Amino acid sequence: MTVRTTLQLGDPELRDPVPPIDEAELADAHPTAEDLADTLADWVRRTGYGRGIAAPQIGARQRLVYLAFDRPTVLVNPEIVARSEETWEPWDTCLSFSVSVFCRVRRSVWVEVEYQSLDGRRRWLRADGELGELLQHEIDHVDGVLAVDRMTSVDTLCMRSEFERRHRDESPYRP
């Protein structure tokens, strides 16, 4: 449908948790999901980065996440219902950082997520590794949390050029 402008770090709307989408509003989620897909595809085309995007990143006040990981997936009202106590520290960036700033974040090794599909059916999944990390990142967005809030240390902050030169091979963003 439409490539939308992505809100950037510092925009207060990124910090505002969004409420669940109720059944009456579910039809309104379809155009937003298409805009998320188009916006993410545009980021990937222009930067080579992007695996997921959440509705608040395009200014849509909907609890909606679009993933382009293995296959396109839309999650309506996603919630992490269980997580491992064990954690890991992958590299992360964000479309709302213009894919210019990277940092190490602390994430659970695995998560269990409940959500609805666009047709309203209840779904459940358990994910670990890169998919688990991506789900945590995108669900944080609908809760008003950003990757910098999960940063392990300010010492891990780096610009894209330094990340690509020093750390890309050890990250989910491998070439």
Protein backbone atom coordinates (compact mmCIF):
# COMPACT_ATOMS: atom_id res chain seq x y z
CA MET A 1 0.00 0.00 0.00
CA THR A 2 2.27 2.77 1.28
CA VAL A 3 5.83 3.28 2.44
CA ARG A 4 5.43 5.25 5.66
CA THR A 5 7.87 7.53 7.46
CA THR A 6 9.54 5.75 10.36
CA LEU A 7 9.58 7.62 13.67
CA GLN A 8 13.13 8.17 14.92
CA LEU A 9 14.85 7.92 18.28
CA GLY A 10 13.79 10.90 20.37
CA ASP A 11 10.21 10.97 19.10
CA PRO A 12 8.05 10.64 22.25
CA GLU A 13 5.47 8.51 20.42
CA LEU A 14 8.00 5.64 20.39
CA ARG A 15 7.83 5.59 24.22
CA ASP A 16 4.04 5.39 24.40
CA PRO A 17 2.73 1.81 24.89
CA VAL A 18 -0.19 0.96 22.62
CA PRO A 19 -3.43 -0.74 23.72
CA PRO A 20 -4.61 -4.06 22.32
CA ILE A 21 -6.66 -4.14 19.14
CA ASP A 22 -10.19 -5.29 19.94
CA GLU A 23 -12.30 -7.46 17.65
CA ALA A 24 -14.20 -4.45 16.24
CA GLU A 25 -10.88 -2.83 15.21
CA LEU A 26 -9.36 -5.94 13.65
CA ALA A 27 -10.33 -4.97 10.09
CA ASP A 28 -8.46 -1.68 10.59
CA ALA A 29 -5.26 -3.69 11.15
CA HIS A 30 -5.11 -4.96 7.55
CA PRO A 31 -4.06 -1.67 5.87
CA THR A 32 -1.53 -1.01 8.64
CA ALA A 33 -0.06 -4.50 8.16
CA GLU A 34 0.34 -3.77 4.43
CA ASP A 35 1.99 -0.43 5.18
CA LEU A 36 4.37 -2.17 7.61
CA ALA A 37 5.30 -4.72 4.93
CA ASP A 38 5.91 -1.99 2.34
CA THR A 39 7.88 0.18 4.75
CA LEU A 40 10.09 -2.72 5.86
CA ALA A 41 10.69 -3.79 2.24
CA ASP A 42 11.76 -0.22 1.46
CA TRP A 43 14.26 -0.24 4.36
CA VAL A 44 15.69 -3.57 3.23
CA ARG A 45 15.98 -2.30 -0.36
CA ARG A 46 17.72 0.91 0.70
CA THR A 47 19.92 -0.32 3.57
CA GLY A 48 20.13 -4.12 3.42
CA TYR A 49 18.80 -4.18 7.00
CA GLY A 50 15.38 -5.00 8.41
CA ARG A 51 13.70 -8.14 9.72
CA GLY A 52 10.65 -6.70 11.44
CA ILE A 53 8.72 -3.54 12.23
CA ALA A 54 6.02 -2.56 14.72
CA ALA A 55 3.05 -0.28 14.12
CA PRO A 56 4.19 2.41 16.60
CA GLN A 57 7.31 2.93 14.46
CA ILE A 58 5.11 4.32 11.68
CA GLY A 59 2.93 6.28 14.09
CA ALA A 60 0.07 3.77 14.11
CA ARG A 61 -1.42 3.27 17.58
CA GLN A 62 -2.06 -0.42 17.07
CA ARG A 63 -0.57 -3.43 18.85
CA LEU A 64 0.65 -4.91 15.58
CA VAL A 65 3.99 -6.39 14.47
CA TYR A 66 5.14 -7.44 11.00
CA LEU A 67 8.03 -9.89 10.63
CA ALA A 68 9.92 -10.78 7.47
CA PHE A 69 11.82 -13.70 9.00
CA ASP A 70 11.68 -16.97 7.04
CA ARG A 71 8.19 -15.98 5.89
CA PRO A 72 6.05 -12.86 6.31
CA THR A 73 4.09 -12.97 9.56
CA VAL A 74 1.68 -10.49 11.14
CA LEU A 75 1.18 -10.63 14.90
CA VAL A 76 -1.87 -8.88 16.34
CA ASN A 77 -1.77 -8.17 20.09
CA PRO A 78 1.49 -10.05 20.70
CA GLU A 79 2.40 -10.71 24.32
CA ILE A 80 5.39 -12.53 25.75
CA VAL A 81 3.82 -15.00 28.18
CA ALA A 82 6.98 -16.88 29.22
CA ARG A 83 10.71 -16.39 28.85
CA SER A 84 13.88 -18.14 29.82
CA GLU A 85 15.85 -16.91 32.79
CA GLU A 86 18.97 -17.56 30.74
CA THR A 87 19.99 -14.58 28.60
CA TRP A 88 22.35 -13.76 25.75
CA GLU A 89 23.77 -10.53 24.35
CA PRO A 90 23.25 -10.13 20.60
CA TRP A 91 23.95 -7.01 18.54
CA ASP A 92 20.89 -4.92 17.77
CA THR A 93 19.87 -1.91 15.73
CA CYS A 94 16.54 -0.45 14.74
CA LEU A 95 14.80 1.22 11.85
CA SER A 96 13.99 3.95 14.38
CA PHE A 97 17.75 4.49 14.73
CA SER A 98 17.98 4.83 10.92
CA VAL A 99 20.07 1.63 11.12
CA SER A 100 22.94 3.96 12.02
CA VAL A 101 23.51 3.04 15.67
CA PHE A 102 24.18 -0.48 16.96
CA CYS A 103 24.56 -1.85 20.49
CA ARG A 104 24.61 -5.11 22.37
CA VAL A 105 21.37 -5.87 24.19
CA ARG A 106 20.36 -8.42 26.79
CA ARG A 107 17.62 -10.79 25.62
CA SER A 108 16.10 -14.00 26.93
CA VAL A 109 17.38 -17.12 25.16
CA TRP A 110 13.79 -18.16 24.34
CA VAL A 111 10.30 -16.66 24.61
CA GLU A 112 6.74 -17.91 24.32
CA VAL A 113 4.42 -15.50 22.55
CA GLU A 114 0.63 -15.45 22.33
CA TYR A 115 -0.92 -13.40 19.54
CA GLN A 116 -3.75 -13.31 17.03
CA SER A 117 -3.53 -13.62 13.27
CA LEU A 118 -5.23 -10.99 11.11
CA ASP A 119 -8.30 -13.23 10.89
CA GLY A 120 -8.61 -13.10 14.69
CA ARG A 121 -7.46 -16.65 15.45
CA ARG A 122 -5.43 -17.11 18.61
CA ARG A 123 -1.89 -18.33 18.00
CA TRP A 124 1.07 -19.33 20.11
CA LEU A 125 4.73 -19.82 19.36
CA ARG A 126 7.96 -20.53 21.15
CA ALA A 127 11.09 -19.05 19.62
CA ASP A 128 14.76 -18.95 20.41
CA GLY A 129 17.86 -17.61 18.71
CA GLU A 130 17.43 -14.86 16.17
CA LEU A 131 13.64 -15.22 15.91
CA GLY A 132 13.31 -15.07 19.68
CA GLU A 133 15.51 -11.97 19.77
CA LEU A 134 13.50 -10.33 16.97
CA LEU A 135 10.18 -11.03 18.70
CA GLN A 136 11.48 -9.45 21.90
CA HIS A 137 12.68 -6.38 19.97
CA GLU A 138 9.38 -5.84 18.12
CA ILE A 139 7.12 -6.58 21.10
CA ASP A 140 9.17 -4.08 23.10
CA HIS A 141 8.13 -1.47 20.51
CA VAL A 142 4.42 -1.95 21.20
CA ASP A 143 5.25 -1.61 24.92
CA GLY A 144 7.16 1.67 24.39
CA VAL A 145 10.59 0.09 25.01
CA LEU A 146 13.58 0.65 22.71
CA ALA A 147 16.73 -1.38 22.12
CA VAL A 148 18.82 1.26 23.92
CA ASP A 149 16.81 0.45 27.06
CA ARG A 150 18.10 -3.14 26.86
CA MET A 151 21.69 -2.13 26.10
CA THR A 152 24.25 -4.10 28.10
CA SER A 153 26.68 -1.17 28.31
CA VAL A 154 27.05 2.23 26.74
CA ASP A 155 30.51 0.99 25.71
CA THR A 156 28.85 -1.24 23.10
CA LEU A 157 27.30 1.69 21.20
CA CYS A 158 28.79 2.03 17.76
CA MET A 159 27.99 3.56 14.41
CA ARG A 160 27.04 1.37 11.47
CA SER A 161 30.44 1.70 9.77
CA GLU A 162 32.26 0.45 12.88
CA PHE A 163 29.69 -2.29 13.46
CA GLU A 164 30.12 -3.56 9.90
CA ARG A 165 33.91 -3.39 10.13
CA ARG A 166 34.22 -5.05 13.55
CA HIS A 167 31.09 -7.01 14.52
CA ARG A 168 28.77 -7.86 11.64
CA ASP A 169 29.88 -11.50 11.32
CA GLU A 170 28.92 -12.18 14.96
CA SER A 171 25.44 -10.69 14.65
CA PRO A 172 21.98 -11.52 13.28
CA TYR A 173 22.81 -9.10 10.45
CA ARG A 174 25.42 -11.31 8.82
CA PRO A 175 25.94 -10.62 5.11
